[in-house]
């Protein structure tokens, strides 16, 4: 993430997307996305938007699947 984010030109704008629920690294290893979100959260010029199941606009079955996985993971 650092290597990517530090290549920004003067007029560039970046949008980085990711799904924190789909990290498949070992528990002791933090993902690059999770680390970047933590490190960059205090920078005023960076917006972090977190979406949830209410933002899913696909088939209604997709919402039910997300809810089922969320429930099973708790």
N, C-alpha and C. Protein backbone atom coordinates (compact mmCIF):
# COMPACT_ATOMS: atom_id res chain seq x y z
N UNK A 1 0.82 -1.19 0.00
CA UNK A 1 0.00 0.00 0.00
C UNK A 1 0.86 1.25 0.00
N UNK A 2 1.89 1.26 0.82
CA UNK A 2 2.75 2.45 0.88
C UNK A 2 3.39 2.72 -0.48
N UNK A 3 3.89 1.66 -1.13
CA UNK A 3 4.53 1.83 -2.42
C UNK A 3 3.53 2.40 -3.43
N UNK A 4 2.31 1.96 -3.42
CA UNK A 4 1.28 2.46 -4.32
C UNK A 4 0.90 3.90 -3.99
N UNK A 5 0.59 4.17 -2.73
CA UNK A 5 0.09 5.48 -2.34
C UNK A 5 1.13 6.59 -2.48
N UNK A 6 2.40 6.24 -2.37
CA UNK A 6 3.44 7.28 -2.46
C UNK A 6 3.85 7.59 -3.90
N UNK A 7 3.16 7.03 -4.88
CA UNK A 7 3.43 7.32 -6.30
C UNK A 7 2.48 8.37 -6.85
N UNK A 8 1.69 9.01 -6.00
CA UNK A 8 0.68 9.96 -6.42
C UNK A 8 1.32 11.23 -6.99
N UNK A 9 0.89 11.62 -8.19
CA UNK A 9 1.36 12.86 -8.80
C UNK A 9 0.60 14.06 -8.24
N UNK A 10 0.99 15.24 -8.64
CA UNK A 10 0.42 16.48 -8.10
C UNK A 10 -1.08 16.62 -8.36
N UNK A 11 -1.58 16.14 -9.47
CA UNK A 11 -3.00 16.31 -9.80
C UNK A 11 -3.78 15.01 -9.66
N UNK A 12 -3.17 14.00 -9.12
CA UNK A 12 -3.81 12.69 -9.03
C UNK A 12 -4.80 12.60 -7.88
N UNK A 13 -5.76 11.72 -8.06
CA UNK A 13 -6.70 11.35 -7.00
C UNK A 13 -6.78 9.83 -7.01
N UNK A 14 -6.70 9.24 -5.85
CA UNK A 14 -6.77 7.78 -5.74
C UNK A 14 -8.05 7.37 -5.05
N UNK A 15 -8.59 6.26 -5.48
CA UNK A 15 -9.68 5.59 -4.77
C UNK A 15 -9.20 4.16 -4.54
N UNK A 16 -9.11 3.76 -3.29
CA UNK A 16 -8.69 2.42 -2.94
C UNK A 16 -9.91 1.70 -2.37
N UNK A 17 -10.22 0.55 -2.91
CA UNK A 17 -11.36 -0.21 -2.40
C UNK A 17 -10.89 -1.55 -1.87
N UNK A 18 -11.63 -2.07 -0.94
CA UNK A 18 -11.30 -3.37 -0.39
C UNK A 18 -12.42 -3.85 0.51
N UNK A 19 -12.40 -5.11 0.81
CA UNK A 19 -13.42 -5.72 1.65
C UNK A 19 -12.74 -6.35 2.86
N UNK A 20 -12.87 -5.70 4.00
CA UNK A 20 -12.20 -6.18 5.21
C UNK A 20 -12.71 -7.56 5.64
N UNK A 21 -13.88 -7.95 5.19
CA UNK A 21 -14.41 -9.27 5.56
C UNK A 21 -13.81 -10.38 4.71
N UNK A 22 -13.01 -10.03 3.72
CA UNK A 22 -12.45 -11.05 2.83
C UNK A 22 -10.93 -11.16 2.95
N UNK A 23 -10.40 -10.80 4.09
CA UNK A 23 -8.96 -10.95 4.35
C UNK A 23 -8.71 -12.39 4.74
N UNK A 24 -7.82 -13.05 4.03
CA UNK A 24 -7.57 -14.47 4.31
C UNK A 24 -6.15 -14.72 4.82
N UNK A 25 -5.55 -13.70 5.42
CA UNK A 25 -4.21 -13.84 5.99
C UNK A 25 -4.30 -14.51 7.36
N UNK A 26 -3.20 -15.09 7.84
CA UNK A 26 -3.20 -15.63 9.20
C UNK A 26 -3.56 -14.53 10.20
N UNK A 27 -4.19 -14.90 11.30
CA UNK A 27 -4.70 -13.93 12.28
C UNK A 27 -3.62 -12.96 12.79
N UNK A 28 -2.40 -13.40 12.92
CA UNK A 28 -1.33 -12.55 13.45
C UNK A 28 -0.77 -11.58 12.41
N UNK A 29 -1.17 -11.74 11.15
CA UNK A 29 -0.65 -10.89 10.07
C UNK A 29 -1.70 -9.88 9.64
N UNK A 30 -1.41 -8.59 9.81
CA UNK A 30 -2.34 -7.53 9.46
C UNK A 30 -2.28 -7.26 7.95
N UNK A 31 -3.42 -7.07 7.36
CA UNK A 31 -3.46 -6.80 5.91
C UNK A 31 -2.94 -5.39 5.62
N UNK A 32 -2.46 -5.19 4.41
CA UNK A 32 -1.99 -3.87 4.00
C UNK A 32 -3.10 -2.84 4.05
N UNK A 33 -4.32 -3.25 3.68
CA UNK A 33 -5.46 -2.34 3.72
C UNK A 33 -5.77 -1.95 5.16
N UNK A 34 -5.83 -2.91 6.06
CA UNK A 34 -6.13 -2.62 7.47
C UNK A 34 -5.05 -1.71 8.06
N UNK A 35 -3.79 -1.99 7.75
CA UNK A 35 -2.69 -1.17 8.25
C UNK A 35 -2.80 0.26 7.72
N UNK A 36 -3.06 0.40 6.42
CA UNK A 36 -3.16 1.73 5.81
C UNK A 36 -4.32 2.51 6.43
N UNK A 37 -5.46 1.87 6.63
CA UNK A 37 -6.60 2.55 7.23
C UNK A 37 -6.25 3.07 8.62
N UNK A 38 -5.53 2.28 9.38
CA UNK A 38 -5.14 2.67 10.73
C UNK A 38 -4.14 3.82 10.71
N UNK A 39 -3.15 3.74 9.85
CA UNK A 39 -2.09 4.75 9.78
C UNK A 39 -2.61 6.09 9.24
N UNK A 40 -3.53 6.03 8.29
CA UNK A 40 -3.95 7.24 7.57
C UNK A 40 -5.23 7.88 8.11
N UNK A 41 -5.84 7.31 9.12
CA UNK A 41 -7.16 7.77 9.59
C UNK A 41 -7.17 9.20 10.12
N UNK A 42 -6.05 9.74 10.54
CA UNK A 42 -6.01 11.09 11.11
C UNK A 42 -5.67 12.18 10.09
N UNK A 43 -5.44 11.81 8.85
CA UNK A 43 -5.09 12.80 7.82
C UNK A 43 -6.38 13.40 7.27
N UNK A 44 -6.53 14.72 7.43
CA UNK A 44 -7.76 15.41 7.03
C UNK A 44 -8.08 15.29 5.54
N UNK A 45 -7.08 15.21 4.70
CA UNK A 45 -7.30 15.18 3.25
C UNK A 45 -7.64 13.78 2.73
N UNK A 46 -7.75 12.82 3.62
CA UNK A 46 -8.09 11.45 3.23
C UNK A 46 -9.45 11.10 3.83
N UNK A 47 -10.35 10.66 2.98
CA UNK A 47 -11.68 10.22 3.44
C UNK A 47 -11.73 8.71 3.46
N UNK A 48 -12.25 8.17 4.53
CA UNK A 48 -12.44 6.72 4.64
C UNK A 48 -13.94 6.49 4.77
N UNK A 49 -14.48 5.74 3.86
CA UNK A 49 -15.91 5.45 3.84
C UNK A 49 -16.08 3.95 4.02
N UNK A 50 -16.83 3.58 5.02
CA UNK A 50 -17.08 2.16 5.28
C UNK A 50 -18.53 1.84 4.93
N UNK A 51 -18.69 0.87 4.07
CA UNK A 51 -20.02 0.44 3.66
C UNK A 51 -20.42 -0.79 4.45
N UNK A 52 -21.72 -1.03 4.57
CA UNK A 52 -22.21 -2.23 5.24
C UNK A 52 -23.30 -2.88 4.41
N UNK A 53 -23.99 -3.88 4.97
CA UNK A 53 -24.97 -4.62 4.20
C UNK A 53 -26.12 -3.74 3.72
N UNK A 54 -26.36 -2.62 4.36
CA UNK A 54 -27.41 -1.70 3.89
C UNK A 54 -27.04 -1.04 2.57
N UNK A 55 -25.77 -1.08 2.22
CA UNK A 55 -25.31 -0.47 0.98
C UNK A 55 -25.33 -1.42 -0.20
N UNK A 56 -25.63 -2.68 0.05
CA UNK A 56 -25.68 -3.67 -1.04
C UNK A 56 -26.91 -3.41 -1.88
N UNK A 57 -26.70 -3.21 -3.17
CA UNK A 57 -27.84 -2.94 -4.04
C UNK A 57 -28.00 -4.04 -5.09
N UNK A 58 -27.45 -5.19 -4.80
CA UNK A 58 -27.59 -6.33 -5.70
C UNK A 58 -28.88 -7.08 -5.37
N UNK A 59 -28.94 -8.29 -5.79
CA UNK A 59 -30.08 -9.16 -5.54
C UNK A 59 -30.33 -9.27 -4.04
N UNK A 60 -31.58 -9.33 -3.62
CA UNK A 60 -31.92 -9.43 -2.20
C UNK A 60 -31.28 -10.64 -1.54
N UNK A 61 -31.05 -11.69 -2.31
CA UNK A 61 -30.42 -12.89 -1.76
C UNK A 61 -28.99 -12.59 -1.31
N UNK A 62 -28.32 -11.67 -1.98
CA UNK A 62 -26.96 -11.30 -1.59
C UNK A 62 -26.97 -10.71 -0.18
N UNK A 63 -27.94 -9.86 0.13
CA UNK A 63 -28.05 -9.30 1.49
C UNK A 63 -28.24 -10.41 2.51
N UNK A 64 -29.08 -11.39 2.19
CA UNK A 64 -29.31 -12.50 3.12
C UNK A 64 -28.04 -13.31 3.33
N UNK A 65 -27.26 -13.50 2.27
CA UNK A 65 -26.00 -14.23 2.38
C UNK A 65 -25.02 -13.46 3.27
N UNK A 66 -24.90 -12.16 3.06
CA UNK A 66 -24.00 -11.34 3.88
C UNK A 66 -24.43 -11.39 5.33
N UNK A 67 -25.73 -11.25 5.60
CA UNK A 67 -26.23 -11.31 6.98
C UNK A 67 -25.92 -12.66 7.62
N UNK A 68 -26.08 -13.75 6.86
CA UNK A 68 -25.82 -15.09 7.40
C UNK A 68 -24.34 -15.24 7.76
N UNK A 69 -23.45 -14.77 6.90
CA UNK A 69 -22.01 -14.86 7.20
C UNK A 69 -21.65 -13.97 8.39
N UNK A 70 -22.21 -12.76 8.45
CA UNK A 70 -21.94 -11.87 9.58
C UNK A 70 -22.37 -12.53 10.88
N UNK A 71 -23.55 -13.13 10.88
CA UNK A 71 -24.08 -13.79 12.07
C UNK A 71 -23.19 -14.98 12.48
N UNK A 72 -22.76 -15.76 11.52
CA UNK A 72 -21.92 -16.94 11.80
C UNK A 72 -20.54 -16.54 12.34
N UNK A 73 -20.04 -15.38 11.91
CA UNK A 73 -18.71 -14.94 12.34
C UNK A 73 -18.71 -14.31 13.73
N UNK A 74 -19.88 -13.99 14.26
CA UNK A 74 -19.95 -13.36 15.59
C UNK A 74 -19.98 -14.38 16.66
